[in-house]
Amino acid sequence: MTSNGGNGAAVVNMQLDEEQIKVLEENFMKVTKHPDETTLMLIAAECGLSEEDTAKWFRLRNAVWRKSEGLPAEEGSVKD
């Protein structure tokens, strides 16, 4: 298993434009950190990304968020 070092570099390396990042961040902070399939589809459509790329962004962003909160990078017994 690889790690991005916890610095968020993997999220940045997705080559997203400012508007896509804005939409993703707004949904992450205001809607859900763990979108269900339908929500993921709507977010992907809103930012013009594939559902796979959107899911990947949320996984990476969650790892960064969890680390910033002093939680393990991977989900475990602690619920967000």
N, C-alpha and C. Protein backbone atom coordinates (compact mmCIF):
# COMPACT_ATOMS: atom_id res chain seq x y z
N MET A 1 0.85 -1.17 0.00
CA MET A 1 0.00 0.00 0.00
C MET A 1 0.89 1.24 0.00
N THR A 2 0.51 2.23 -0.81
CA THR A 2 1.31 3.45 -0.88
C THR A 2 0.66 4.56 -0.11
N SER A 3 1.43 5.56 0.22
CA SER A 3 0.92 6.71 0.96
C SER A 3 1.32 7.97 0.22
N ASN A 4 0.47 9.00 0.31
CA ASN A 4 0.83 10.26 -0.34
C ASN A 4 1.58 11.17 0.63
N GLY A 5 1.97 10.61 1.76
CA GLY A 5 2.72 11.39 2.73
C GLY A 5 1.84 12.30 3.56
N GLY A 6 0.54 12.25 3.31
CA GLY A 6 -0.39 13.05 4.10
C GLY A 6 -0.39 14.52 3.76
N ASN A 7 0.29 14.90 2.67
CA ASN A 7 0.38 16.33 2.37
C ASN A 7 -0.66 16.79 1.36
N GLY A 8 -1.51 15.90 0.91
CA GLY A 8 -2.55 16.28 -0.04
C GLY A 8 -2.07 16.37 -1.47
N ALA A 9 -0.81 16.01 -1.73
CA ALA A 9 -0.25 16.13 -3.07
C ALA A 9 -1.03 15.30 -4.08
N ALA A 10 -1.50 14.14 -3.69
CA ALA A 10 -2.23 13.28 -4.63
C ALA A 10 -3.53 13.95 -5.07
N VAL A 11 -4.18 14.69 -4.18
CA VAL A 11 -5.41 15.40 -4.54
C VAL A 11 -5.08 16.48 -5.57
N VAL A 12 -3.99 17.21 -5.34
CA VAL A 12 -3.57 18.28 -6.25
C VAL A 12 -3.18 17.71 -7.61
N ASN A 13 -2.56 16.53 -7.63
CA ASN A 13 -2.07 15.94 -8.87
C ASN A 13 -3.17 15.44 -9.80
N MET A 14 -4.43 15.60 -9.42
CA MET A 14 -5.52 15.15 -10.29
C MET A 14 -5.78 16.09 -11.44
N GLN A 15 -5.07 17.22 -11.52
CA GLN A 15 -5.21 18.16 -12.65
C GLN A 15 -6.62 18.72 -12.76
N LEU A 16 -7.15 19.22 -11.68
CA LEU A 16 -8.48 19.80 -11.68
C LEU A 16 -8.39 21.31 -11.83
N ASP A 17 -9.40 21.91 -12.46
CA ASP A 17 -9.39 23.36 -12.55
C ASP A 17 -10.03 23.95 -11.30
N GLU A 18 -9.93 25.25 -11.15
CA GLU A 18 -10.40 25.91 -9.93
C GLU A 18 -11.88 25.68 -9.67
N GLU A 19 -12.69 25.73 -10.72
CA GLU A 19 -14.13 25.54 -10.56
C GLU A 19 -14.45 24.12 -10.09
N GLN A 20 -13.77 23.12 -10.65
CA GLN A 20 -13.99 21.74 -10.22
C GLN A 20 -13.63 21.57 -8.74
N ILE A 21 -12.50 22.13 -8.35
CA ILE A 21 -12.07 22.04 -6.95
C ILE A 21 -13.08 22.73 -6.04
N LYS A 22 -13.57 23.88 -6.48
CA LYS A 22 -14.56 24.61 -5.69
C LYS A 22 -15.82 23.76 -5.46
N VAL A 23 -16.32 23.14 -6.52
CA VAL A 23 -17.53 22.31 -6.42
C VAL A 23 -17.26 21.11 -5.51
N LEU A 24 -16.12 20.45 -5.70
CA LEU A 24 -15.79 19.29 -4.88
C LEU A 24 -15.65 19.66 -3.40
N GLU A 25 -14.92 20.74 -3.13
CA GLU A 25 -14.71 21.18 -1.75
C GLU A 25 -16.03 21.58 -1.08
N GLU A 26 -16.89 22.30 -1.81
CA GLU A 26 -18.18 22.70 -1.24
C GLU A 26 -19.00 21.47 -0.86
N ASN A 27 -19.03 20.48 -1.75
CA ASN A 27 -19.77 19.27 -1.45
C ASN A 27 -19.15 18.51 -0.29
N PHE A 28 -17.83 18.47 -0.24
CA PHE A 28 -17.14 17.78 0.84
C PHE A 28 -17.44 18.42 2.19
N MET A 29 -17.39 19.74 2.24
CA MET A 29 -17.56 20.45 3.52
C MET A 29 -19.04 20.62 3.92
N LYS A 30 -19.92 20.82 2.95
CA LYS A 30 -21.31 21.17 3.27
C LYS A 30 -22.31 20.04 3.09
N VAL A 31 -22.01 19.08 2.22
CA VAL A 31 -22.98 18.02 1.92
C VAL A 31 -22.59 16.71 2.61
N THR A 32 -21.48 16.12 2.20
CA THR A 32 -21.07 14.84 2.78
C THR A 32 -19.60 14.56 2.47
N LYS A 33 -18.96 13.91 3.40
CA LYS A 33 -17.59 13.46 3.17
C LYS A 33 -17.58 12.07 2.54
N HIS A 34 -18.74 11.41 2.58
CA HIS A 34 -18.88 10.05 2.05
C HIS A 34 -20.12 9.96 1.18
N PRO A 35 -20.05 10.48 -0.06
CA PRO A 35 -21.24 10.49 -0.92
C PRO A 35 -21.69 9.08 -1.31
N ASP A 36 -23.02 8.88 -1.32
CA ASP A 36 -23.55 7.62 -1.82
C ASP A 36 -23.48 7.65 -3.35
N GLU A 37 -23.89 6.56 -3.97
CA GLU A 37 -23.76 6.43 -5.42
C GLU A 37 -24.48 7.53 -6.19
N THR A 38 -25.69 7.86 -5.77
CA THR A 38 -26.47 8.90 -6.45
C THR A 38 -25.84 10.27 -6.27
N THR A 39 -25.45 10.59 -5.05
CA THR A 39 -24.81 11.88 -4.78
C THR A 39 -23.50 11.99 -5.55
N LEU A 40 -22.74 10.92 -5.58
CA LEU A 40 -21.47 10.90 -6.32
C LEU A 40 -21.72 11.18 -7.81
N MET A 41 -22.76 10.58 -8.36
CA MET A 41 -23.10 10.78 -9.77
C MET A 41 -23.45 12.25 -10.03
N LEU A 42 -24.22 12.85 -9.13
CA LEU A 42 -24.61 14.25 -9.30
C LEU A 42 -23.40 15.19 -9.18
N ILE A 43 -22.53 14.93 -8.21
CA ILE A 43 -21.33 15.76 -8.04
C ILE A 43 -20.43 15.62 -9.27
N ALA A 44 -20.25 14.40 -9.75
CA ALA A 44 -19.42 14.16 -10.94
C ALA A 44 -19.96 14.93 -12.14
N ALA A 45 -21.28 14.88 -12.33
CA ALA A 45 -21.90 15.60 -13.45
C ALA A 45 -21.72 17.10 -13.31
N GLU A 46 -21.85 17.59 -12.08
CA GLU A 46 -21.72 19.03 -11.84
C GLU A 46 -20.32 19.54 -12.16
N CYS A 47 -19.29 18.71 -11.89
CA CYS A 47 -17.94 19.20 -12.17
C CYS A 47 -17.33 18.63 -13.44
N GLY A 48 -18.09 17.83 -14.18
CA GLY A 48 -17.58 17.34 -15.46
C GLY A 48 -16.50 16.28 -15.31
N LEU A 49 -16.55 15.53 -14.23
CA LEU A 49 -15.59 14.45 -14.00
C LEU A 49 -16.30 13.11 -14.09
N SER A 50 -15.53 12.05 -14.27
CA SER A 50 -16.12 10.71 -14.22
C SER A 50 -16.46 10.40 -12.77
N GLU A 51 -17.38 9.47 -12.58
CA GLU A 51 -17.71 9.05 -11.22
C GLU A 51 -16.48 8.44 -10.55
N GLU A 52 -15.68 7.73 -11.33
CA GLU A 52 -14.45 7.10 -10.79
C GLU A 52 -13.49 8.17 -10.27
N ASP A 53 -13.26 9.22 -11.06
CA ASP A 53 -12.36 10.29 -10.64
C ASP A 53 -12.92 11.05 -9.43
N THR A 54 -14.23 11.23 -9.42
CA THR A 54 -14.86 11.93 -8.29
C THR A 54 -14.72 11.10 -7.02
N ALA A 55 -14.95 9.79 -7.13
CA ALA A 55 -14.80 8.90 -5.97
C ALA A 55 -13.35 8.90 -5.50
N LYS A 56 -12.41 8.89 -6.44
CA LYS A 56 -10.99 8.92 -6.09
C LYS A 56 -10.67 10.21 -5.34
N TRP A 57 -11.19 11.35 -5.83
CA TRP A 57 -10.94 12.63 -5.15
C TRP A 57 -11.45 12.58 -3.72
N PHE A 58 -12.67 12.06 -3.52
CA PHE A 58 -13.24 11.99 -2.18
C PHE A 58 -12.41 11.08 -1.27
N ARG A 59 -11.92 9.95 -1.80
CA ARG A 59 -11.07 9.06 -0.99
C ARG A 59 -9.81 9.78 -0.55
N LEU A 60 -9.15 10.44 -1.51
CA LEU A 60 -7.91 11.15 -1.20
C LEU A 60 -8.17 12.32 -0.25
N ARG A 61 -9.23 13.06 -0.50
CA ARG A 61 -9.55 14.23 0.33
C ARG A 61 -9.91 13.80 1.75
N ASN A 62 -10.60 12.66 1.86
CA ASN A 62 -10.92 12.13 3.18
C ASN A 62 -9.66 11.77 3.96
N ALA A 63 -8.68 11.18 3.29
CA ALA A 63 -7.43 10.82 3.96
C ALA A 63 -6.73 12.07 4.48
N VAL A 64 -6.71 13.13 3.67
CA VAL A 64 -6.10 14.40 4.08
C VAL A 64 -6.87 14.99 5.26
N TRP A 65 -8.20 14.98 5.17
CA TRP A 65 -9.03 15.54 6.24
C TRP A 65 -8.83 14.76 7.54
N ARG A 66 -8.85 13.42 7.44
CA ARG A 66 -8.70 12.59 8.63
C ARG A 66 -7.36 12.86 9.30
N LYS A 67 -6.30 12.98 8.51
CA LYS A 67 -4.99 13.25 9.09
C LYS A 67 -4.99 14.62 9.79
N SER A 68 -5.62 15.62 9.16
CA SER A 68 -5.66 16.96 9.75
C SER A 68 -6.44 16.96 11.07
N GLU A 69 -7.36 16.02 11.22
CA GLU A 69 -8.15 15.91 12.44
C GLU A 69 -7.49 15.00 13.48
N GLY A 70 -6.31 14.49 13.15
CA GLY A 70 -5.59 13.61 14.07
C GLY A 70 -6.14 12.19 14.08
N LEU A 71 -6.84 11.82 13.02
CA LEU A 71 -7.40 10.48 12.89
C LEU A 71 -6.54 9.66 11.95
N PRO A 72 -6.66 8.33 12.00
CA PRO A 72 -5.93 7.50 11.03
C PRO A 72 -6.37 7.87 9.61
N ALA A 73 -5.47 7.80 8.65
CA ALA A 73 -5.79 8.15 7.26
C ALA A 73 -6.87 7.24 6.69
N GLU A 74 -6.91 6.00 7.14
CA GLU A 74 -7.92 5.05 6.67
C GLU A 74 -9.04 5.00 7.69
N GLU A 75 -10.27 4.79 7.18
CA GLU A 75 -11.40 4.64 8.08
C GLU A 75 -11.22 3.38 8.90
N GLY A 76 -11.61 3.43 10.12
CA GLY A 76 -11.54 2.27 10.99
C GLY A 76 -12.75 2.25 11.89
N SER A 77 -12.51 2.09 13.17
CA SER A 77 -13.61 2.01 14.11
C SER A 77 -14.14 3.39 14.48
N VAL A 78 -13.39 4.43 14.15
CA VAL A 78 -13.81 5.79 14.46
C VAL A 78 -14.67 6.30 13.31
N LYS A 79 -15.87 6.76 13.63
CA LYS A 79 -16.76 7.28 12.59
C LYS A 79 -16.56 8.78 12.44
N ASP A 80 -16.59 9.25 11.20
CA ASP A 80 -16.45 10.69 10.92
C ASP A 80 -17.69 11.43 11.33
